[in-house]
Structure formats: C-alpha cells, structure tokens
N, C-alpha and C. Protein backbone atom coordinates (compact mmCIF):
# COMPACT_ATOMS: atom_id res chain seq x y z
N UNK A 1 -1.42 16.43 -5.44
CA UNK A 1 -0.38 15.96 -4.35
C UNK A 1 -1.28 16.71 -2.99
N UNK A 2 -1.07 15.69 -1.98
CA UNK A 2 -1.67 16.11 -0.70
C UNK A 2 -0.85 16.03 0.09
N UNK A 3 -0.55 16.95 0.96
CA UNK A 3 0.66 17.13 1.91
C UNK A 3 -0.06 16.55 3.50
N UNK A 4 0.40 15.60 4.20
CA UNK A 4 -0.29 15.27 5.05
C UNK A 4 1.04 15.77 6.23
N UNK A 5 0.26 16.45 7.20
CA UNK A 5 0.91 16.94 8.34
C UNK A 5 0.57 16.01 9.69
N UNK A 6 -0.05 15.21 9.71
CA UNK A 6 -0.40 14.38 10.68
C UNK A 6 0.09 12.85 10.51
N UNK A 7 1.03 12.30 11.17
CA UNK A 7 1.31 10.96 10.99
C UNK A 7 1.93 10.29 12.25
N UNK A 8 2.20 9.18 12.01
CA UNK A 8 2.64 8.69 13.46
C UNK A 8 3.92 8.86 13.80
N UNK A 9 4.83 9.43 13.11
CA UNK A 9 5.98 10.07 13.27
C UNK A 9 5.81 11.48 13.49
N UNK A 10 4.97 12.12 12.87
CA UNK A 10 5.07 13.66 12.99
C UNK A 10 5.18 14.26 11.62
N UNK A 11 5.95 13.10 10.95
CA UNK A 11 6.87 14.08 9.57
C UNK A 11 5.51 14.20 8.59
N UNK A 12 5.37 14.90 7.81
CA UNK A 12 4.68 15.58 6.87
C UNK A 12 4.99 14.46 5.63
N UNK A 13 4.25 13.97 4.66
CA UNK A 13 4.27 13.04 3.71
C UNK A 13 3.69 13.67 2.65
N UNK A 14 4.17 13.42 1.42
CA UNK A 14 3.22 13.72 -0.21
C UNK A 14 2.86 12.62 -0.65
N UNK A 15 1.47 12.66 -0.88
CA UNK A 15 0.97 11.53 -1.57
C UNK A 15 0.14 12.03 -2.79
N UNK A 16 0.73 11.51 -4.16
CA UNK A 16 0.32 11.62 -5.46
C UNK A 16 -1.23 11.37 -5.46
N UNK A 17 -1.93 12.22 -5.73
CA UNK A 17 -3.28 11.73 -6.14
C UNK A 17 -3.38 11.54 -7.49
N UNK A 18 -3.94 10.00 -7.81
CA UNK A 18 -3.70 9.41 -9.07
C UNK A 18 -5.14 9.36 -9.42
N UNK A 19 -5.42 9.18 -10.85
CA UNK A 19 -6.96 9.00 -11.06
C UNK A 19 -7.83 8.05 -10.25
N UNK A 20 -7.17 7.15 -9.84
CA UNK A 20 -7.84 6.15 -9.13
C UNK A 20 -8.24 6.69 -7.73
N UNK A 21 -7.06 7.28 -7.22
CA UNK A 21 -7.32 7.47 -5.84
C UNK A 21 -8.34 8.90 -5.68
N UNK A 22 -8.63 9.80 -6.80
CA UNK A 22 -9.37 10.75 -6.91
C UNK A 22 -10.82 10.49 -6.86
N UNK A 23 -10.93 9.55 -7.64
CA UNK A 23 -12.44 8.79 -7.79
C UNK A 23 -12.69 8.27 -6.29
N UNK A 24 -11.95 7.65 -5.47
CA UNK A 24 -12.04 7.13 -3.88
C UNK A 24 -12.54 8.40 -3.22
N UNK A 25 -11.55 9.64 -3.29
CA UNK A 25 -11.81 10.58 -2.73
C UNK A 25 -13.07 11.39 -2.80
N UNK A 26 -13.44 11.30 -4.19
CA UNK A 26 -14.43 12.13 -4.42
C UNK A 26 -15.93 11.32 -3.97
N UNK A 27 -15.79 10.08 -3.73
CA UNK A 27 -16.92 9.11 -3.18
C UNK A 27 -17.14 9.29 -1.96
N UNK A 28 -15.96 9.28 -1.30
CA UNK A 28 -15.81 9.68 0.39
C UNK A 28 -16.35 11.24 0.81
N UNK A 29 -15.70 11.84 0.13
CA UNK A 29 -16.09 13.64 0.13
C UNK A 29 -18.00 13.45 0.10
N UNK A 30 -18.69 13.02 -0.95
CA UNK A 30 -19.93 12.92 -1.47
C UNK A 30 -20.47 12.36 0.12
N UNK A 31 -20.06 11.45 0.78
CA UNK A 31 -20.88 10.74 2.03
C UNK A 31 -20.18 11.47 2.96
N UNK A 32 -19.63 12.56 3.21
CA UNK A 32 -18.89 13.06 4.25
C UNK A 32 -19.95 13.94 5.02
N UNK A 33 -20.21 13.72 6.57
CA UNK A 33 -21.03 14.74 7.14
C UNK A 33 -20.50 15.92 6.86
N UNK A 34 -21.42 17.18 6.75
CA UNK A 34 -21.31 18.57 6.87
C UNK A 34 -20.47 19.10 7.95
N UNK A 35 -19.39 19.65 7.35
CA UNK A 35 -18.56 20.09 8.66
C UNK A 35 -17.69 19.37 9.37
N UNK A 36 -17.37 18.06 8.97
CA UNK A 36 -16.82 16.87 9.35
C UNK A 36 -15.26 17.05 8.64
N UNK A 37 -14.33 17.05 8.93
CA UNK A 37 -13.11 17.12 8.24
C UNK A 37 -12.61 15.92 7.87
N UNK A 38 -13.16 14.58 8.48
CA UNK A 38 -12.38 13.29 8.11
C UNK A 38 -13.03 12.84 6.93
N UNK A 39 -12.02 12.11 6.47
CA UNK A 39 -12.38 11.53 4.80
C UNK A 39 -12.75 10.35 5.17
N UNK A 40 -12.33 9.55 5.94
CA UNK A 40 -12.63 8.19 5.91
C UNK A 40 -13.13 7.89 7.53
N UNK A 41 -14.67 7.99 7.16
CA UNK A 41 -15.49 7.98 8.28
C UNK A 41 -16.77 7.14 7.84
N UNK A 42 -16.93 6.16 8.71
CA UNK A 42 -18.04 5.38 8.09
C UNK A 42 -19.10 5.16 9.26
N UNK A 43 -20.29 5.58 9.06
CA UNK A 43 -21.17 5.54 10.50
C UNK A 43 -20.78 5.96 11.64
N UNK A 44 -20.10 7.06 11.17
CA UNK A 44 -19.64 7.83 12.57
C UNK A 44 -18.58 7.36 13.18
N UNK A 45 -17.61 6.07 12.74
CA UNK A 45 -16.41 5.61 13.18
C UNK A 45 -15.18 6.24 12.67
N UNK A 46 -14.24 6.49 13.31
CA UNK A 46 -12.82 6.66 12.69
C UNK A 46 -12.58 5.56 12.45
N UNK A 47 -11.21 5.36 11.75
CA UNK A 47 -10.33 4.31 11.53
C UNK A 47 -10.12 3.60 12.71
N UNK A 48 -9.87 3.83 14.11
CA UNK A 48 -9.95 3.24 15.17
C UNK A 48 -11.01 2.37 15.22
N UNK A 49 -12.52 2.93 15.02
CA UNK A 49 -13.69 2.00 15.35
C UNK A 49 -13.82 1.05 13.79
N UNK A 50 -12.98 1.16 13.27
CA UNK A 50 -13.15 0.20 11.83
C UNK A 50 -12.55 -1.09 12.18
N UNK A 51 -11.70 -1.31 13.28
CA UNK A 51 -10.83 -2.53 13.66
C UNK A 51 -11.79 -3.87 13.68
N UNK A 52 -13.17 -3.77 14.38
CA UNK A 52 -14.37 -4.75 14.30
C UNK A 52 -14.85 -4.89 13.05
N UNK A 53 -15.26 -3.89 12.32
CA UNK A 53 -15.62 -3.99 11.03
C UNK A 53 -14.80 -4.55 10.03
N UNK A 54 -13.55 -4.35 10.23
CA UNK A 54 -12.40 -4.87 9.23
C UNK A 54 -12.36 -6.39 9.54
N UNK A 55 -12.16 -6.91 10.87
CA UNK A 55 -12.60 -8.34 11.15
C UNK A 55 -13.53 -8.78 10.58
N UNK A 56 -14.76 -8.26 10.94
CA UNK A 56 -16.00 -9.11 10.51
C UNK A 56 -16.14 -8.90 8.91
N UNK A 57 -15.60 -8.14 8.09
CA UNK A 57 -15.30 -8.13 6.64
C UNK A 57 -14.62 -9.19 6.00
N UNK A 58 -13.39 -9.43 6.90
CA UNK A 58 -12.43 -10.31 6.33
C UNK A 58 -12.61 -11.89 6.90
N UNK A 59 -13.75 -12.02 7.80
CA UNK A 59 -14.28 -13.04 8.30
C UNK A 59 -15.11 -13.39 6.85
N UNK A 60 -16.05 -12.65 6.71
CA UNK A 60 -17.20 -12.68 5.56
C UNK A 60 -16.70 -13.17 4.30
N UNK A 61 -15.32 -12.57 3.86
CA UNK A 61 -14.53 -12.96 2.56
C UNK A 61 -13.79 -13.83 2.65
N UNK A 62 -13.58 -14.78 3.97
CA UNK A 62 -13.09 -16.11 4.11
C UNK A 62 -11.37 -15.94 4.25
N UNK A 63 -11.42 -14.38 4.41
CA UNK A 63 -9.85 -14.18 4.98
C UNK A 63 -9.57 -14.09 6.36
N UNK A 64 -10.00 -14.69 7.42
CA UNK A 64 -9.97 -14.43 9.07
C UNK A 64 -8.35 -14.14 9.38
N UNK A 65 -8.21 -13.38 10.07
CA UNK A 65 -6.82 -13.04 10.69
C UNK A 65 -6.05 -12.15 9.95
N UNK A 66 -6.77 -11.47 8.85
CA UNK A 66 -5.80 -10.08 8.07
C UNK A 66 -5.85 -8.88 9.07
N UNK A 67 -5.02 -8.21 8.72
CA UNK A 67 -5.04 -6.77 9.42
C UNK A 67 -5.11 -5.79 8.45
N UNK A 68 -5.75 -4.63 8.84
CA UNK A 68 -5.69 -3.62 7.98
C UNK A 68 -4.30 -3.26 7.55
N UNK A 69 -3.25 -3.14 8.63
CA UNK A 69 -2.02 -2.81 8.13
C UNK A 69 -1.29 -3.82 7.04
N UNK A 70 -1.73 -4.99 6.75
CA UNK A 70 -1.29 -5.83 5.80
C UNK A 70 -1.20 -5.28 4.32
N UNK A 71 -2.29 -4.28 4.23
CA UNK A 71 -2.21 -3.41 3.04
C UNK A 71 -1.23 -2.57 2.89
N UNK A 72 -0.51 -1.97 4.13
CA UNK A 72 0.75 -1.31 3.78
C UNK A 72 2.00 -2.41 3.04
N UNK A 73 1.80 -3.70 3.28
CA UNK A 73 2.90 -4.72 3.01
C UNK A 73 2.28 -4.91 1.70
N UNK A 74 1.34 -5.14 1.08
CA UNK A 74 0.48 -5.14 -0.10
C UNK A 74 1.23 -3.95 -0.97
N UNK A 75 0.92 -2.76 -0.36
CA UNK A 75 1.40 -1.43 -1.43
C UNK A 75 2.99 -1.88 -1.65
N UNK A 76 3.93 -2.15 -0.70
CA UNK A 76 5.07 -2.23 -0.93
C UNK A 76 5.54 -2.96 -2.10
N UNK A 77 4.78 -4.21 -1.79
CA UNK A 77 4.99 -5.34 -3.06
C UNK A 77 4.68 -4.78 -4.11
N UNK A 78 3.44 -4.44 -4.06
CA UNK A 78 3.05 -3.89 -5.66
C UNK A 78 3.80 -2.84 -6.24
N UNK A 79 4.39 -1.99 -5.09
CA UNK A 79 5.04 -0.52 -5.90
C UNK A 79 6.25 -1.56 -6.44
N UNK A 80 7.11 -2.12 -5.72
CA UNK A 80 8.30 -2.63 -6.38
C UNK A 80 8.09 -3.50 -7.62
N UNK A 81 6.88 -4.32 -7.83
CA UNK A 81 6.87 -5.07 -8.94
C UNK A 81 6.29 -4.28 -10.19
N UNK A 82 5.62 -3.10 -9.79
CA UNK A 82 5.26 -2.12 -10.73
C UNK A 82 6.66 -1.41 -11.13
N UNK A 83 7.71 -1.74 -10.82
CA UNK A 83 8.71 -1.11 -11.19
C UNK A 83 9.19 0.40 -10.29
N UNK A 84 8.39 0.81 -9.57
CA UNK A 84 8.72 2.12 -8.71
C UNK A 84 10.36 1.68 -8.06
N UNK A 85 11.04 2.76 -8.24
CA UNK A 85 12.24 2.52 -7.69
C UNK A 85 12.13 2.14 -6.10
N UNK A 86 13.10 1.32 -5.41
CA UNK A 86 12.83 1.24 -4.12
C UNK A 86 12.57 2.77 -3.01
N UNK A 87 13.69 3.43 -3.54
CA UNK A 87 13.63 4.78 -2.50
C UNK A 87 12.40 5.43 -2.63
N UNK A 88 11.92 5.46 -3.57
CA UNK A 88 10.28 6.20 -4.00
C UNK A 88 9.36 5.59 -3.38
N UNK A 89 9.43 4.15 -3.52
CA UNK A 89 8.13 3.35 -2.47
C UNK A 89 8.28 3.59 -0.99
N UNK A 90 9.93 3.93 -0.68
CA UNK A 90 10.17 4.04 0.79
C UNK A 90 9.60 5.23 1.21
N UNK A 91 9.54 6.40 0.45
CA UNK A 91 9.16 7.43 0.80
C UNK A 91 7.90 7.65 0.81
N UNK A 92 6.93 7.28 -0.07
CA UNK A 92 5.26 6.98 -0.32
C UNK A 92 4.83 6.04 1.27
N UNK A 93 5.73 5.08 1.50
CA UNK A 93 5.23 4.17 2.21
C UNK A 93 5.53 4.93 3.82
N UNK A 94 6.44 5.55 3.97
CA UNK A 94 6.86 6.36 5.17
C UNK A 94 7.91 5.55 6.06
N UNK A 95 8.69 4.60 4.95
CA UNK A 95 9.86 4.08 5.78
C UNK A 95 10.96 4.71 5.66
N UNK A 96 11.81 5.02 6.76
CA UNK A 96 12.82 5.75 6.69
C UNK A 96 13.95 4.93 6.92
N UNK A 97 14.14 3.77 6.98
CA UNK A 97 15.27 2.93 6.67
C UNK A 97 15.32 1.92 6.21
N UNK A 98 16.07 1.32 5.55
CA UNK A 98 16.06 0.03 4.50
C UNK A 98 15.37 -1.31 5.21
N UNK A 99 15.92 -1.26 6.13
CA UNK A 99 15.60 -2.47 7.06
C UNK A 99 14.14 -2.56 7.07
N UNK A 100 13.44 -1.56 7.35
CA UNK A 100 12.03 -1.30 7.91
C UNK A 100 11.26 -1.80 6.26
N UNK A 101 11.75 -0.88 5.31
CA UNK A 101 11.35 -1.61 4.25
C UNK A 101 11.30 -2.77 3.72
N UNK A 102 12.50 -3.53 4.21
CA UNK A 102 12.83 -4.69 3.85
C UNK A 102 11.94 -5.84 4.41
N UNK A 103 11.28 -5.30 5.52
CA UNK A 103 10.18 -6.39 6.28
C UNK A 103 9.30 -6.24 5.57
N UNK A 104 8.70 -5.04 4.88
CA UNK A 104 7.41 -4.95 4.22
C UNK A 104 7.52 -5.46 2.68
N UNK A 105 8.38 -5.25 2.10
CA UNK A 105 8.74 -5.94 0.83
C UNK A 105 9.30 -7.35 0.56
N UNK A 106 8.44 -8.17 1.02
CA UNK A 106 8.63 -9.52 1.16
C UNK A 106 8.80 -10.41 -0.15
N UNK A 107 9.94 -11.16 -0.22
CA UNK A 107 9.95 -12.19 -1.73
C UNK A 107 9.22 -13.29 -1.42
N UNK A 108 8.67 -13.53 -2.59
CA UNK A 108 7.67 -14.71 -2.50
C UNK A 108 8.22 -15.73 -3.20
N UNK A 109 7.70 -17.02 -3.10
CA UNK A 109 8.08 -18.09 -4.56
C UNK A 109 7.90 -17.71 -5.81
N UNK A 110 7.22 -16.75 -5.98
CA UNK A 110 6.49 -16.66 -7.35
C UNK A 110 7.85 -15.41 -7.78
N UNK A 111 8.18 -14.52 -6.68
CA UNK A 111 9.36 -13.69 -7.16
C UNK A 111 10.70 -14.31 -7.62
N UNK A 112 10.94 -15.43 -6.90
CA UNK A 112 11.91 -16.17 -6.85
C UNK A 112 11.98 -17.30 -8.32
N UNK A 113 10.77 -17.55 -8.64
CA UNK A 113 10.59 -18.14 -9.95
C UNK A 113 11.09 -17.27 -11.43
N UNK A 114 10.06 -16.32 -11.06
CA UNK A 114 10.37 -14.92 -12.12
C UNK A 114 12.03 -14.54 -12.29
N UNK A 115 12.50 -14.40 -11.12
CA UNK A 115 14.26 -14.17 -11.28
C UNK A 115 14.84 -15.33 -12.19
N UNK A 116 14.23 -16.70 -11.49
CA UNK A 116 14.90 -17.60 -12.43
C UNK A 116 14.79 -17.84 -14.21
N UNK A 117 13.27 -17.01 -14.30
CA UNK A 117 12.81 -17.19 -15.81
C UNK A 117 13.69 -16.00 -16.22
N UNK A 118 14.10 -14.80 -15.66
CA UNK A 118 14.64 -13.83 -16.22
C UNK A 118 16.20 -14.20 -16.49
N UNK A 119 16.78 -14.94 -15.38
CA UNK A 119 17.97 -15.37 -15.78
C UNK A 119 18.10 -16.08 -16.69
N UNK A 120 17.21 -16.98 -17.06
CA UNK A 120 17.53 -18.18 -18.17
C UNK A 120 17.19 -17.25 -19.20
N UNK A 121 16.50 -16.40 -19.73
CA UNK A 121 16.40 -15.60 -20.56
C UNK A 121 17.27 -14.66 -20.95
N UNK A 122 17.99 -14.24 -20.03
CA UNK A 122 19.39 -13.37 -20.23
C UNK A 122 20.36 -14.17 -20.66
N UNK A 123 20.71 -15.61 -20.14
CA UNK A 123 21.67 -16.21 -20.35
C UNK A 123 21.50 -16.95 -21.91
N UNK A 124 20.44 -16.84 -22.24
CA UNK A 124 19.87 -17.47 -23.71
C UNK A 124 20.64 -16.27 -24.76
N UNK A 125 20.18 -15.13 -24.24
CA UNK A 125 20.65 -14.15 -25.21
C UNK A 125 21.98 -13.99 -25.35
N UNK A 126 23.29 -14.41 -23.94
CA UNK A 126 24.23 -14.38 -23.72
C UNK A 126 24.95 -15.30 -24.73
N UNK A 127 24.45 -16.32 -24.93
CA UNK A 127 24.84 -17.56 -25.95
C UNK A 127 25.08 -17.30 -27.01
N UNK A 128 24.05 -16.77 -27.82
CA UNK A 128 23.86 -16.15 -29.26
C UNK A 128 24.85 -15.00 -29.32
N UNK A 129 25.28 -14.32 -28.53
CA UNK A 129 26.26 -13.01 -28.47
C UNK A 129 27.62 -13.54 -28.82
C-alpha cells in the first residue's frame, strides 16, 4: 500500500500496489534521475508539462480531444464492471460524494444491453422454478 499525503483536497489516500502497478513503478524508478523524488517525470517535465505531450500522443493515436483526466472516468467504469463495490471504487478514486462518483461512472449502451440480457436470463430461470 502507498499512502498519498499530497492530493488536490489535501486528504491522504491509500493506493493498493497491484503486481501490474509494481511493474510500472519499478520501470519508472529505473528511469528516475538520482536524487529526484518524483516518480512520473519525463524528459525533465512534471505532470503539468505532460499536457502538450498528451495532446500530441492522442492526435498521433487518432484520438484527438482526449484529456488525461478521462483516465479517471475509465478507471471508475472499469472498477465497477470488474465487480468492485461502488463504495470501494469511490475511495480509490477520491470521490467523497455519490453524485461526483455518478458523474464518472457513466452508463453506456453496452451496459444497458447487458442489463437486458441479464434480466432475460433471470426471467428464464424464474419460469422454470
């Protein structure tokens, strides 16, 4: 676990270090400049300097108009679709209110189709019971 003491709200957060995240952190540590405490630094740029790099990468990938913050929305959706309880997802993402979490956990057409399929499957089991 990693205790983050610096955040936008000033509240500390706990971030579980999964095997996949551990690989990323080891890779970043190997590339870190000696004596620099920053983990995500690229060519001397901090996160704020990434904005133009991010926009350039998105254009090159054919995804213009994307924002780094979109990753937070993706994380909310992925956590819920992976079966993580909503309250735990809220804590991991730093959402203090249900309304803020709901802004990130957007319902898609695919979600609606899957709900319809689940309902159909459930009703089939009820007819046979």
